[in-house]
């Protein structure tokens, strides 16, 4: 076991470690004046957010055939250790993988909360600490991760914008080139028809 880490799971032969600092959730949660009864359930919700974020990175990395070595969870972030992708677009996809993992959990939590409000408002109120973590804390972590500075995911993830703009400009140029070729083709056809008409008129006059 690595110093300060303990291995608690595997995913697709990828070891998953937790650092002791993740336990700082307990005093941090209690210092906010939150109820002691919810400290353990909310901790597991918080750990689930971190884990799904890193699993999102790992799934995207495996999709791009990039080797993943390990997943590590800390108190306010995680780490998916993998080889450097060959293409920049693969690196960007891996960066967005974590955000997508969190978004899936966020959508699930919002849908569950909505359904509970319809059928059991009391239960929704009782479970509000759980939904606070799965929705508000999840959303906060997601937004922070998308800030475009190192070492956050946003530093790599937002590189997708110039790539998309470049591809859009290229497609626009290709479209304009196609329009110009068709226009030139139509002009040539019109010129040919005009020349044929002039030649036919001249031939008719000579016959007369």
N, C-alpha and C. Protein backbone atom coordinates (compact mmCIF):
# COMPACT_ATOMS: atom_id res chain seq x y z
N UNK A 1 0.84 -1.20 0.00
CA UNK A 1 0.00 0.00 0.00
C UNK A 1 0.87 1.24 0.00
N UNK A 2 0.54 2.21 -0.87
CA UNK A 2 1.30 3.44 -0.93
C UNK A 2 1.08 4.25 0.35
N UNK A 3 2.07 5.07 0.68
CA UNK A 3 2.01 5.86 1.90
C UNK A 3 0.80 6.80 1.88
N UNK A 4 -0.05 6.71 2.90
CA UNK A 4 -1.21 7.57 3.01
C UNK A 4 -2.41 7.12 2.20
N UNK A 5 -2.29 6.03 1.44
CA UNK A 5 -3.38 5.52 0.60
C UNK A 5 -3.80 4.13 1.07
N UNK A 6 -5.06 3.81 0.81
CA UNK A 6 -5.48 2.42 0.94
C UNK A 6 -6.31 2.05 -0.28
N UNK A 7 -6.07 0.83 -0.74
CA UNK A 7 -6.77 0.36 -1.94
C UNK A 7 -8.08 -0.28 -1.50
N UNK A 8 -9.20 0.21 -2.05
CA UNK A 8 -10.49 -0.31 -1.61
C UNK A 8 -11.31 -0.93 -2.73
N UNK A 9 -10.83 -0.85 -3.98
CA UNK A 9 -11.61 -1.43 -5.08
C UNK A 9 -10.75 -1.54 -6.33
N UNK A 10 -11.29 -2.27 -7.31
CA UNK A 10 -10.72 -2.37 -8.65
C UNK A 10 -11.82 -2.09 -9.66
N UNK A 11 -11.44 -1.54 -10.81
CA UNK A 11 -12.37 -1.40 -11.93
C UNK A 11 -11.61 -1.72 -13.20
N UNK A 12 -12.03 -2.81 -13.88
CA UNK A 12 -11.35 -3.23 -15.11
C UNK A 12 -9.84 -3.37 -14.90
N UNK A 13 -9.47 -4.01 -13.80
CA UNK A 13 -8.07 -4.23 -13.40
C UNK A 13 -7.35 -2.94 -13.02
N UNK A 14 -8.08 -1.83 -12.88
CA UNK A 14 -7.48 -0.56 -12.46
C UNK A 14 -7.67 -0.41 -10.96
N UNK A 15 -6.59 -0.31 -10.18
CA UNK A 15 -6.73 -0.15 -8.73
C UNK A 15 -7.27 1.23 -8.37
N UNK A 16 -8.13 1.27 -7.36
CA UNK A 16 -8.71 2.53 -6.89
C UNK A 16 -8.28 2.75 -5.45
N UNK A 17 -7.62 3.87 -5.20
CA UNK A 17 -7.09 4.19 -3.88
C UNK A 17 -7.82 5.39 -3.29
N UNK A 18 -7.85 5.44 -1.97
CA UNK A 18 -8.35 6.62 -1.26
C UNK A 18 -7.24 7.13 -0.34
N UNK A 19 -7.01 8.44 -0.37
CA UNK A 19 -6.02 9.06 0.51
C UNK A 19 -6.68 9.41 1.85
N UNK A 20 -5.89 9.38 2.90
CA UNK A 20 -6.47 9.62 4.23
C UNK A 20 -7.15 10.99 4.33
N UNK A 21 -6.74 11.95 3.48
CA UNK A 21 -7.32 13.29 3.57
C UNK A 21 -8.80 13.31 3.22
N UNK A 22 -9.29 12.27 2.55
CA UNK A 22 -10.71 12.24 2.21
C UNK A 22 -11.58 12.20 3.47
N UNK A 23 -10.99 11.74 4.57
CA UNK A 23 -11.71 11.67 5.84
C UNK A 23 -11.92 13.04 6.46
N UNK A 24 -11.26 14.07 5.93
CA UNK A 24 -11.47 15.43 6.42
C UNK A 24 -12.88 15.92 6.12
N UNK A 25 -13.60 15.17 5.28
CA UNK A 25 -15.01 15.50 5.05
C UNK A 25 -15.79 15.55 6.37
N UNK A 26 -15.48 14.63 7.29
CA UNK A 26 -16.24 14.54 8.53
C UNK A 26 -16.16 15.81 9.37
N UNK A 27 -14.96 16.29 9.72
CA UNK A 27 -14.92 17.55 10.49
C UNK A 27 -15.42 18.74 9.70
N UNK A 28 -15.15 18.78 8.39
CA UNK A 28 -15.61 19.90 7.56
C UNK A 28 -17.14 19.96 7.56
N UNK A 29 -17.79 18.80 7.43
CA UNK A 29 -19.25 18.75 7.40
C UNK A 29 -19.84 19.16 8.75
N UNK A 30 -19.23 18.69 9.83
CA UNK A 30 -19.75 19.00 11.16
C UNK A 30 -19.52 20.46 11.54
N UNK A 31 -18.42 21.05 11.05
CA UNK A 31 -18.14 22.45 11.37
C UNK A 31 -19.17 23.40 10.73
N UNK A 32 -19.88 22.91 9.75
CA UNK A 32 -20.92 23.72 9.13
C UNK A 32 -22.22 23.70 9.94
N UNK A 33 -22.20 23.00 11.06
CA UNK A 33 -23.40 22.91 11.89
C UNK A 33 -24.39 21.88 11.41
N UNK A 34 -23.93 20.98 10.56
CA UNK A 34 -24.82 19.95 10.02
C UNK A 34 -25.06 18.86 11.06
N UNK A 35 -26.15 18.11 10.84
CA UNK A 35 -26.53 17.07 11.78
C UNK A 35 -25.57 15.90 11.75
N UNK A 36 -25.24 15.37 12.92
CA UNK A 36 -24.31 14.25 13.03
C UNK A 36 -24.84 13.00 12.34
N UNK A 37 -26.16 12.87 12.32
CA UNK A 37 -26.76 11.66 11.76
C UNK A 37 -26.51 11.51 10.26
N UNK A 38 -26.24 12.66 9.58
CA UNK A 38 -26.06 12.62 8.13
C UNK A 38 -24.59 12.63 7.70
N UNK A 39 -23.68 12.63 8.64
CA UNK A 39 -22.27 12.79 8.28
C UNK A 39 -21.75 11.59 7.47
N UNK A 40 -22.17 10.39 7.84
CA UNK A 40 -21.71 9.19 7.11
C UNK A 40 -22.39 9.06 5.74
N UNK A 41 -23.73 9.16 5.66
CA UNK A 41 -24.37 9.07 4.33
C UNK A 41 -23.88 10.13 3.35
N UNK A 42 -23.70 11.37 3.83
CA UNK A 42 -23.24 12.43 2.92
C UNK A 42 -21.79 12.20 2.51
N UNK A 43 -21.00 11.57 3.40
CA UNK A 43 -19.62 11.25 3.03
C UNK A 43 -19.59 10.29 1.85
N UNK A 44 -20.44 9.27 1.89
CA UNK A 44 -20.48 8.30 0.79
C UNK A 44 -20.99 8.96 -0.50
N UNK A 45 -21.90 9.91 -0.38
CA UNK A 45 -22.36 10.65 -1.56
C UNK A 45 -21.22 11.49 -2.14
N UNK A 46 -20.48 12.14 -1.26
CA UNK A 46 -19.35 12.96 -1.69
C UNK A 46 -18.28 12.09 -2.36
N UNK A 47 -17.97 10.94 -1.75
CA UNK A 47 -16.97 10.03 -2.34
C UNK A 47 -17.46 9.51 -3.68
N UNK A 48 -18.77 9.31 -3.83
CA UNK A 48 -19.33 8.84 -5.10
C UNK A 48 -19.11 9.88 -6.20
N UNK A 49 -19.27 11.15 -5.85
CA UNK A 49 -19.03 12.23 -6.83
C UNK A 49 -17.60 12.17 -7.33
N UNK A 50 -16.65 12.10 -6.40
CA UNK A 50 -15.23 12.04 -6.77
C UNK A 50 -14.93 10.80 -7.61
N UNK A 51 -15.51 9.67 -7.19
CA UNK A 51 -15.23 8.42 -7.89
C UNK A 51 -15.80 8.42 -9.31
N UNK A 52 -17.03 8.89 -9.47
CA UNK A 52 -17.63 8.93 -10.81
C UNK A 52 -16.88 9.89 -11.73
N UNK A 53 -16.38 10.98 -11.16
CA UNK A 53 -15.58 11.92 -11.96
C UNK A 53 -14.34 11.22 -12.52
N UNK A 54 -13.62 10.52 -11.65
CA UNK A 54 -12.40 9.85 -12.10
C UNK A 54 -12.70 8.65 -12.99
N UNK A 55 -13.81 7.95 -12.73
CA UNK A 55 -14.20 6.85 -13.62
C UNK A 55 -14.56 7.38 -15.00
N UNK A 56 -15.13 8.59 -15.05
CA UNK A 56 -15.40 9.21 -16.35
C UNK A 56 -14.13 9.42 -17.14
N UNK A 57 -13.08 9.89 -16.45
CA UNK A 57 -11.76 10.03 -17.10
C UNK A 57 -11.26 8.66 -17.58
N UNK A 58 -11.39 7.66 -16.71
CA UNK A 58 -10.86 6.33 -17.03
C UNK A 58 -11.59 5.71 -18.22
N UNK A 59 -12.91 5.85 -18.25
CA UNK A 59 -13.69 5.30 -19.37
C UNK A 59 -13.31 5.98 -20.68
N UNK A 60 -13.17 7.30 -20.64
CA UNK A 60 -12.77 8.03 -21.85
C UNK A 60 -11.36 7.63 -22.28
N UNK A 61 -10.47 7.43 -21.31
CA UNK A 61 -9.10 7.02 -21.64
C UNK A 61 -9.07 5.65 -22.29
N UNK A 62 -9.83 4.71 -21.74
CA UNK A 62 -9.88 3.37 -22.32
C UNK A 62 -10.51 3.40 -23.71
N UNK A 63 -11.47 4.30 -23.92
CA UNK A 63 -12.09 4.44 -25.24
C UNK A 63 -11.07 4.88 -26.28
N UNK A 64 -10.12 5.72 -25.86
CA UNK A 64 -9.08 6.20 -26.78
C UNK A 64 -7.85 5.29 -26.79
N UNK A 65 -7.97 4.12 -26.17
CA UNK A 65 -6.87 3.14 -26.10
C UNK A 65 -5.67 3.69 -25.31
N UNK A 66 -5.96 4.56 -24.35
CA UNK A 66 -4.91 5.11 -23.49
C UNK A 66 -4.87 4.30 -22.20
N UNK A 67 -3.71 3.84 -21.82
CA UNK A 67 -3.59 2.98 -20.64
C UNK A 67 -3.82 3.77 -19.36
N UNK A 68 -4.65 3.23 -18.48
CA UNK A 68 -4.93 3.84 -17.18
C UNK A 68 -4.22 3.02 -16.10
N UNK A 69 -3.48 3.70 -15.23
CA UNK A 69 -2.69 3.01 -14.22
C UNK A 69 -3.41 2.91 -12.88
N UNK A 70 -4.06 3.98 -12.44
CA UNK A 70 -4.70 3.97 -11.13
C UNK A 70 -5.63 5.16 -10.98
N UNK A 71 -6.54 5.04 -10.04
CA UNK A 71 -7.43 6.14 -9.65
C UNK A 71 -7.19 6.42 -8.18
N UNK A 72 -7.02 7.71 -7.85
CA UNK A 72 -6.77 8.12 -6.47
C UNK A 72 -7.76 9.20 -6.07
N UNK A 73 -8.31 9.06 -4.87
CA UNK A 73 -9.27 10.03 -4.35
C UNK A 73 -8.68 10.76 -3.16
N UNK A 74 -8.83 12.10 -3.18
CA UNK A 74 -8.36 12.95 -2.08
C UNK A 74 -9.56 13.67 -1.48
N UNK A 75 -9.29 14.65 -0.62
CA UNK A 75 -10.39 15.28 0.09
C UNK A 75 -11.28 16.13 -0.80
N UNK A 76 -10.73 16.85 -1.77
CA UNK A 76 -11.55 17.72 -2.61
C UNK A 76 -11.36 17.47 -4.10
N UNK A 77 -10.63 16.43 -4.42
CA UNK A 77 -10.42 16.13 -5.84
C UNK A 77 -9.96 14.69 -5.98
N UNK A 78 -9.84 14.25 -7.20
CA UNK A 78 -9.34 12.92 -7.48
C UNK A 78 -8.25 12.98 -8.54
N UNK A 79 -7.71 11.83 -8.87
CA UNK A 79 -6.64 11.77 -9.87
C UNK A 79 -6.75 10.45 -10.63
N UNK A 80 -6.84 10.57 -11.94
CA UNK A 80 -6.83 9.40 -12.81
C UNK A 80 -5.47 9.36 -13.52
N UNK A 81 -4.63 8.46 -13.12
CA UNK A 81 -3.29 8.36 -13.70
C UNK A 81 -3.34 7.52 -14.97
N UNK A 82 -2.93 8.14 -16.08
CA UNK A 82 -2.96 7.43 -17.36
C UNK A 82 -1.80 7.92 -18.23
N UNK A 83 -1.52 7.17 -19.28
CA UNK A 83 -0.48 7.58 -20.22
C UNK A 83 -0.92 8.83 -20.97
N UNK A 84 0.06 9.52 -21.55
CA UNK A 84 -0.26 10.71 -22.34
C UNK A 84 -0.85 10.28 -23.69
N UNK A 85 -2.04 10.76 -24.02
CA UNK A 85 -2.65 10.38 -25.31
C UNK A 85 -1.81 10.88 -26.48
N UNK A 86 -1.93 10.17 -27.60
CA UNK A 86 -1.15 10.52 -28.79
C UNK A 86 -1.69 11.77 -29.45
N UNK A 87 -3.00 11.90 -29.50
CA UNK A 87 -3.63 13.05 -30.16
C UNK A 87 -4.19 14.03 -29.12
N UNK A 88 -4.18 15.31 -29.48
CA UNK A 88 -4.73 16.32 -28.58
C UNK A 88 -6.23 16.12 -28.37
N UNK A 89 -6.93 15.72 -29.41
CA UNK A 89 -8.37 15.51 -29.29
C UNK A 89 -8.69 14.40 -28.28
N UNK A 90 -7.83 13.40 -28.18
CA UNK A 90 -8.02 12.33 -27.20
C UNK A 90 -7.82 12.88 -25.79
N UNK A 91 -6.84 13.74 -25.62
CA UNK A 91 -6.59 14.37 -24.32
C UNK A 91 -7.80 15.21 -23.89
N UNK A 92 -8.39 15.91 -24.84
CA UNK A 92 -9.57 16.73 -24.56
C UNK A 92 -10.76 15.85 -24.18
N UNK A 93 -10.94 14.75 -24.89
CA UNK A 93 -12.03 13.83 -24.59
C UNK A 93 -11.90 13.26 -23.18
N UNK A 94 -10.68 12.92 -22.80
CA UNK A 94 -10.45 12.38 -21.45
C UNK A 94 -10.76 13.43 -20.40
N UNK A 95 -10.40 14.68 -20.68
CA UNK A 95 -10.69 15.77 -19.74
C UNK A 95 -12.19 15.95 -19.54
N UNK A 96 -12.96 15.87 -20.63
CA UNK A 96 -14.41 16.00 -20.53
C UNK A 96 -15.07 14.79 -19.91
N UNK A 97 -14.38 13.65 -19.90
CA UNK A 97 -14.95 12.43 -19.34
C UNK A 97 -15.36 12.58 -17.88
N UNK A 98 -14.54 13.29 -17.09
CA UNK A 98 -14.86 13.49 -15.69
C UNK A 98 -16.13 14.32 -15.51
N UNK A 99 -16.25 15.37 -16.31
CA UNK A 99 -17.44 16.23 -16.25
C UNK A 99 -18.69 15.43 -16.63
N UNK A 100 -18.57 14.60 -17.66
CA UNK A 100 -19.72 13.80 -18.10
C UNK A 100 -20.15 12.83 -17.00
N UNK A 101 -19.17 12.24 -16.30
CA UNK A 101 -19.48 11.35 -15.19
C UNK A 101 -20.28 12.05 -14.11
N UNK A 102 -19.86 13.27 -13.75
CA UNK A 102 -20.59 14.05 -12.75
C UNK A 102 -21.97 14.46 -13.25
N UNK A 103 -22.06 14.83 -14.52
CA UNK A 103 -23.35 15.24 -15.08
C UNK A 103 -24.37 14.10 -15.03
N UNK A 104 -23.92 12.88 -15.28
CA UNK A 104 -24.83 11.73 -15.21
C UNK A 104 -25.40 11.59 -13.80
N UNK A 105 -24.53 11.75 -12.79
CA UNK A 105 -24.99 11.68 -11.41
C UNK A 105 -25.93 12.84 -11.09
N UNK A 106 -25.61 14.03 -11.59
CA UNK A 106 -26.43 15.21 -11.34
C UNK A 106 -27.84 15.04 -11.93
N UNK A 107 -27.92 14.55 -13.15
CA UNK A 107 -29.22 14.32 -13.79
C UNK A 107 -30.03 13.29 -13.01
N UNK A 108 -29.35 12.22 -12.59
CA UNK A 108 -30.03 11.17 -11.81
C UNK A 108 -30.56 11.73 -10.50
N UNK A 109 -29.74 12.53 -9.80
CA UNK A 109 -30.16 13.11 -8.52
C UNK A 109 -31.33 14.08 -8.70
N UNK A 110 -31.28 14.91 -9.73
CA UNK A 110 -32.37 15.86 -10.00
C UNK A 110 -33.67 15.13 -10.34
N UNK A 111 -33.57 14.09 -11.14
CA UNK A 111 -34.76 13.32 -11.51
C UNK A 111 -35.36 12.63 -10.29
N UNK A 112 -34.49 12.05 -9.45
CA UNK A 112 -34.97 11.38 -8.23
C UNK A 112 -35.64 12.37 -7.28
N UNK A 113 -35.01 13.53 -7.11
CA UNK A 113 -35.60 14.55 -6.23
C UNK A 113 -36.96 15.02 -6.76
N UNK A 114 -37.06 15.20 -8.06
CA UNK A 114 -38.31 15.65 -8.67
C UNK A 114 -39.43 14.62 -8.44
N UNK A 115 -39.12 13.34 -8.65
CA UNK A 115 -40.12 12.30 -8.47
C UNK A 115 -40.54 12.18 -7.01
N UNK A 116 -39.58 12.31 -6.10
CA UNK A 116 -39.92 12.25 -4.67
C UNK A 116 -40.80 13.41 -4.25
N UNK A 117 -40.55 14.60 -4.83
CA UNK A 117 -41.39 15.75 -4.52
C UNK A 117 -42.84 15.51 -4.95
N UNK A 118 -43.02 14.79 -6.05
CA UNK A 118 -44.37 14.52 -6.54
C UNK A 118 -45.11 13.53 -5.64
N UNK A 119 -44.39 12.50 -5.18
CA UNK A 119 -45.06 11.41 -4.47
C UNK A 119 -44.83 11.40 -2.96
N UNK A 120 -43.76 12.05 -2.51
CA UNK A 120 -43.48 12.05 -1.07
C UNK A 120 -42.68 13.28 -0.68
N UNK A 121 -43.34 14.43 -0.54
CA UNK A 121 -42.63 15.66 -0.15
C UNK A 121 -41.93 15.55 1.20
N UNK A 122 -42.53 14.78 2.11
CA UNK A 122 -41.92 14.61 3.44
C UNK A 122 -40.58 13.89 3.32
N UNK A 123 -40.55 12.81 2.53
CA UNK A 123 -39.31 12.06 2.34
C UNK A 123 -38.26 12.92 1.64
N UNK A 124 -38.71 13.75 0.72
CA UNK A 124 -37.79 14.67 0.03
C UNK A 124 -37.13 15.61 1.03
N UNK A 125 -37.94 16.12 1.96
CA UNK A 125 -37.41 17.02 3.00
C UNK A 125 -36.42 16.29 3.91
N UNK A 126 -36.76 15.06 4.29
CA UNK A 126 -35.89 14.30 5.19
C UNK A 126 -34.55 13.97 4.53
N UNK A 127 -34.59 13.75 3.21
CA UNK A 127 -33.36 13.39 2.47
C UNK A 127 -32.64 14.61 1.89
N UNK A 128 -33.05 15.79 2.28
CA UNK A 128 -32.45 17.01 1.72
C UNK A 128 -30.93 17.10 1.90
N UNK A 129 -30.34 16.61 3.01
CA UNK A 129 -28.87 16.64 3.10
C UNK A 129 -28.19 15.81 2.01
N UNK A 130 -28.83 14.68 1.66
CA UNK A 130 -28.28 13.83 0.59
C UNK A 130 -28.34 14.57 -0.73
N UNK A 131 -29.48 15.19 -1.03
CA UNK A 131 -29.63 15.90 -2.30
C UNK A 131 -28.75 17.15 -2.35
N UNK A 132 -28.50 17.78 -1.21
CA UNK A 132 -27.60 18.93 -1.18
C UNK A 132 -26.21 18.55 -1.68
N UNK A 133 -25.74 17.37 -1.26
CA UNK A 133 -24.41 16.92 -1.69
C UNK A 133 -24.43 16.48 -3.15
N UNK A 134 -25.43 15.67 -3.51
CA UNK A 134 -25.49 15.12 -4.87
C UNK A 134 -25.77 16.18 -5.93
N UNK A 135 -26.39 17.29 -5.52
CA UNK A 135 -26.73 18.33 -6.49
C UNK A 135 -25.85 19.56 -6.31
N UNK A 136 -25.93 20.22 -5.15
CA UNK A 136 -25.20 21.47 -4.96
C UNK A 136 -23.69 21.26 -4.91
N UNK A 137 -23.25 20.33 -4.07
CA UNK A 137 -21.81 20.07 -3.97
C UNK A 137 -21.27 19.54 -5.29
N UNK A 138 -22.03 18.65 -5.91
CA UNK A 138 -21.65 18.10 -7.21
C UNK A 138 -21.48 19.21 -8.24
N UNK A 139 -22.45 20.11 -8.30
CA UNK A 139 -22.40 21.21 -9.26
C UNK A 139 -21.23 22.14 -8.98
N UNK A 140 -20.95 22.40 -7.70
CA UNK A 140 -19.82 23.25 -7.33
C UNK A 140 -18.49 22.65 -7.79
N UNK A 141 -18.32 21.36 -7.53
CA UNK A 141 -17.09 20.67 -7.96
C UNK A 141 -16.96 20.69 -9.47
N UNK A 142 -18.09 20.48 -10.14
CA UNK A 142 -18.09 20.46 -11.61
C UNK A 142 -17.65 21.81 -12.17
N UNK A 143 -18.21 22.90 -11.63
CA UNK A 143 -17.86 24.24 -12.12
C UNK A 143 -16.39 24.56 -11.85
N UNK A 144 -15.93 24.21 -10.65
CA UNK A 144 -14.52 24.47 -10.30
C UNK A 144 -13.60 23.72 -11.25
N UNK A 145 -13.95 22.48 -11.55
CA UNK A 145 -13.10 21.66 -12.43
C UNK A 145 -13.01 22.23 -13.83
N UNK A 146 -14.01 23.00 -14.25
CA UNK A 146 -14.01 23.55 -15.61
C UNK A 146 -13.32 24.91 -15.70
N UNK A 147 -12.77 25.40 -14.59
CA UNK A 147 -11.99 26.64 -14.67
C UNK A 147 -10.73 26.36 -15.49
N UNK A 148 -10.46 27.18 -16.51
CA UNK A 148 -9.35 26.88 -17.44
C UNK A 148 -7.96 27.23 -16.90
N UNK A 149 -7.58 26.63 -15.79
CA UNK A 149 -6.23 26.82 -15.22
C UNK A 149 -5.70 25.45 -14.79
N UNK A 150 -4.39 25.31 -14.82
CA UNK A 150 -3.77 24.07 -14.33
C UNK A 150 -3.96 23.99 -12.83
N UNK A 151 -4.10 22.79 -12.28
CA UNK A 151 -4.17 21.46 -12.92
C UNK A 151 -5.60 21.00 -13.16
N UNK A 152 -6.54 21.93 -13.23
CA UNK A 152 -7.95 21.58 -13.37
C UNK A 152 -8.25 21.08 -14.79
N UNK A 153 -9.33 20.33 -14.92
CA UNK A 153 -9.69 19.75 -16.22
C UNK A 153 -9.97 20.81 -17.28
N UNK A 154 -10.49 21.96 -16.84
CA UNK A 154 -10.83 23.00 -17.79
C UNK A 154 -9.66 23.50 -18.60
N UNK A 155 -8.44 23.36 -18.07
CA UNK A 155 -7.24 23.80 -18.78
C UNK A 155 -7.09 23.05 -20.11
N UNK A 156 -7.48 21.78 -20.11
CA UNK A 156 -7.40 20.97 -21.32
C UNK A 156 -8.76 20.92 -22.03
N UNK A 157 -9.83 20.83 -21.24
CA UNK A 157 -11.16 20.62 -21.82
C UNK A 157 -11.57 21.74 -22.78
N UNK A 158 -11.26 23.00 -22.42
CA UNK A 158 -11.73 24.12 -23.25
C UNK A 158 -10.90 24.30 -24.52
N UNK A 159 -9.88 23.47 -24.71
CA UNK A 159 -9.16 23.52 -25.99
C UNK A 159 -10.04 23.04 -27.14
N UNK A 160 -11.16 22.47 -26.78
CA UNK A 160 -12.09 22.00 -27.81
C UNK A 160 -12.65 23.16 -28.63
N UNK A 161 -12.72 24.36 -28.03
CA UNK A 161 -13.32 25.51 -28.71
C UNK A 161 -12.54 25.91 -29.96
N UNK A 162 -11.20 26.17 -29.87
CA UNK A 162 -10.48 26.51 -31.11
C UNK A 162 -10.49 25.39 -32.14
N UNK A 163 -10.52 24.14 -31.69
CA UNK A 163 -10.56 23.02 -32.62
C UNK A 163 -11.90 23.00 -33.37
N UNK A 164 -12.99 23.21 -32.64
CA UNK A 164 -14.31 23.25 -33.27
C UNK A 164 -14.43 24.43 -34.22
N UNK A 165 -13.91 25.59 -33.79
CA UNK A 165 -13.96 26.78 -34.66
C UNK A 165 -13.14 26.57 -35.93
N UNK A 166 -11.98 25.94 -35.77
CA UNK A 166 -11.13 25.66 -36.94
C UNK A 166 -11.84 24.72 -37.91
N UNK A 167 -12.49 23.69 -37.35
CA UNK A 167 -13.21 22.74 -38.19
C UNK A 167 -14.39 23.42 -38.87
N UNK A 168 -15.06 24.32 -38.13
CA UNK A 168 -16.20 25.05 -38.71
C UNK A 168 -15.74 25.94 -39.86
N UNK A 169 -14.60 26.65 -39.66
CA UNK A 169 -14.08 27.49 -40.74
C UNK A 169 -13.68 26.66 -41.95
N UNK A 170 -13.09 25.49 -41.70
CA UNK A 170 -12.69 24.61 -42.80
C UNK A 170 -13.91 24.13 -43.58
N UNK A 171 -14.96 23.74 -42.87
CA UNK A 171 -16.19 23.29 -43.54
C UNK A 171 -16.84 24.44 -44.30
N UNK A 172 -16.76 25.65 -43.74
CA UNK A 172 -17.31 26.82 -44.43
C UNK A 172 -16.56 27.08 -45.72
N UNK A 173 -15.22 26.98 -45.67
CA UNK A 173 -14.41 27.18 -46.87
C UNK A 173 -14.72 26.11 -47.92
N UNK A 174 -14.88 24.86 -47.45
CA UNK A 174 -15.21 23.78 -48.38
C UNK A 174 -16.58 24.01 -49.02
N UNK A 175 -17.53 24.49 -48.23
CA UNK A 175 -18.87 24.77 -48.75
C UNK A 175 -18.84 25.90 -49.78
N UNK A 176 -18.08 26.98 -49.47
CA UNK A 176 -17.98 28.11 -50.38
C UNK A 176 -17.27 27.69 -51.66
N UNK A 177 -16.26 26.82 -51.51
CA UNK A 177 -15.55 26.33 -52.69
C UNK A 177 -16.49 25.52 -53.58
N UNK A 178 -17.34 24.70 -52.96
CA UNK A 178 -18.31 23.90 -53.71
C UNK A 178 -19.30 24.80 -54.44
N UNK A 179 -19.78 25.85 -53.74
CA UNK A 179 -20.72 26.81 -54.35
C UNK A 179 -20.07 27.51 -55.54
N UNK A 180 -18.78 27.90 -55.37
CA UNK A 180 -18.07 28.59 -56.45
C UNK A 180 -17.88 27.68 -57.66
N UNK A 181 -17.56 26.39 -57.39
CA UNK A 181 -17.38 25.45 -58.51
C UNK A 181 -18.69 25.27 -59.27
N UNK A 182 -19.78 25.16 -58.53
CA UNK A 182 -21.08 25.00 -59.18
C UNK A 182 -21.46 26.26 -59.96
N UNK A 183 -21.11 27.40 -59.38
CA UNK A 183 -21.41 28.67 -60.06
C UNK A 183 -20.61 28.78 -61.35
N UNK A 184 -19.32 28.41 -61.27
CA UNK A 184 -18.48 28.46 -62.48
C UNK A 184 -18.99 27.48 -63.52
N UNK A 185 -19.44 26.31 -63.05
CA UNK A 185 -19.96 25.30 -63.97
C UNK A 185 -21.21 25.82 -64.69
N UNK A 186 -22.09 26.49 -63.92
CA UNK A 186 -23.30 27.05 -64.52
C UNK A 186 -22.95 28.15 -65.52
N UNK A 187 -21.95 28.97 -65.18
CA UNK A 187 -21.53 30.05 -66.08
C UNK A 187 -20.96 29.49 -67.37
N UNK A 188 -20.16 28.40 -67.22
CA UNK A 188 -19.60 27.78 -68.42
C UNK A 188 -20.71 27.20 -69.31
N UNK A 189 -21.70 26.60 -68.67
CA UNK A 189 -22.82 26.03 -69.43
C UNK A 189 -23.58 27.13 -70.15
N UNK A 190 -23.80 28.24 -69.43
CA UNK A 190 -24.52 29.36 -70.04
C UNK A 190 -23.71 29.95 -71.20
N UNK A 191 -22.39 30.08 -71.02
CA UNK A 191 -21.54 30.61 -72.09
C UNK A 191 -21.56 29.68 -73.30
N UNK A 192 -21.54 28.37 -73.01
CA UNK A 192 -21.55 27.41 -74.13
C UNK A 192 -22.86 27.48 -74.89
N UNK A 193 -23.97 27.60 -74.15
CA UNK A 193 -25.27 27.71 -74.80
C UNK A 193 -25.37 28.98 -75.63
N UNK A 194 -24.79 30.09 -75.08
CA UNK A 194 -24.81 31.36 -75.80
C UNK A 194 -23.98 31.27 -77.08
N UNK A 195 -22.82 30.63 -77.01
CA UNK A 195 -21.96 30.48 -78.19
C UNK A 195 -22.64 29.61 -79.24
N UNK A 196 -23.29 28.55 -78.79
CA UNK A 196 -24.00 27.67 -79.74
C UNK A 196 -25.12 28.42 -80.44
N UNK A 197 -25.81 29.27 -79.68
CA UNK A 197 -26.91 30.04 -80.27
C UNK A 197 -26.39 31.02 -81.31
N UNK A 198 -25.26 31.68 -80.99
CA UNK A 198 -24.66 32.63 -81.95
C UNK A 198 -24.22 31.90 -83.22
N UNK A 199 -23.61 30.73 -83.02
CA UNK A 199 -23.15 29.96 -84.18
C UNK A 199 -24.33 29.49 -85.02
N UNK A 200 -25.42 29.09 -84.36
CA UNK A 200 -26.60 28.64 -85.09
C UNK A 200 -27.22 29.79 -85.88
N UNK A 201 -27.28 30.98 -85.26
CA UNK A 201 -27.82 32.15 -85.96
C UNK A 201 -26.98 32.49 -87.19
N UNK A 202 -25.67 32.43 -87.01
CA UNK A 202 -24.77 32.72 -88.12
C UNK A 202 -24.94 31.70 -89.23
N UNK A 203 -25.06 30.42 -88.86
CA UNK A 203 -25.25 29.36 -89.85
C UNK A 203 -26.58 29.56 -90.62
N UNK A 204 -27.62 29.94 -89.87
CA UNK A 204 -28.93 30.18 -90.52
C UNK A 204 -28.87 31.33 -91.51
N UNK A 205 -28.13 32.38 -91.17
CA UNK A 205 -28.00 33.53 -92.06
C UNK A 205 -27.25 33.15 -93.32
N UNK A 206 -26.20 32.34 -93.16
CA UNK A 206 -25.42 31.94 -94.32
C UNK A 206 -26.27 31.07 -95.27
N UNK A 207 -27.13 30.24 -94.71
CA UNK A 207 -28.00 29.41 -95.53
C UNK A 207 -28.95 30.27 -96.36
N UNK A 208 -29.43 31.36 -95.76
CA UNK A 208 -30.33 32.26 -96.48
C UNK A 208 -29.60 33.02 -97.55
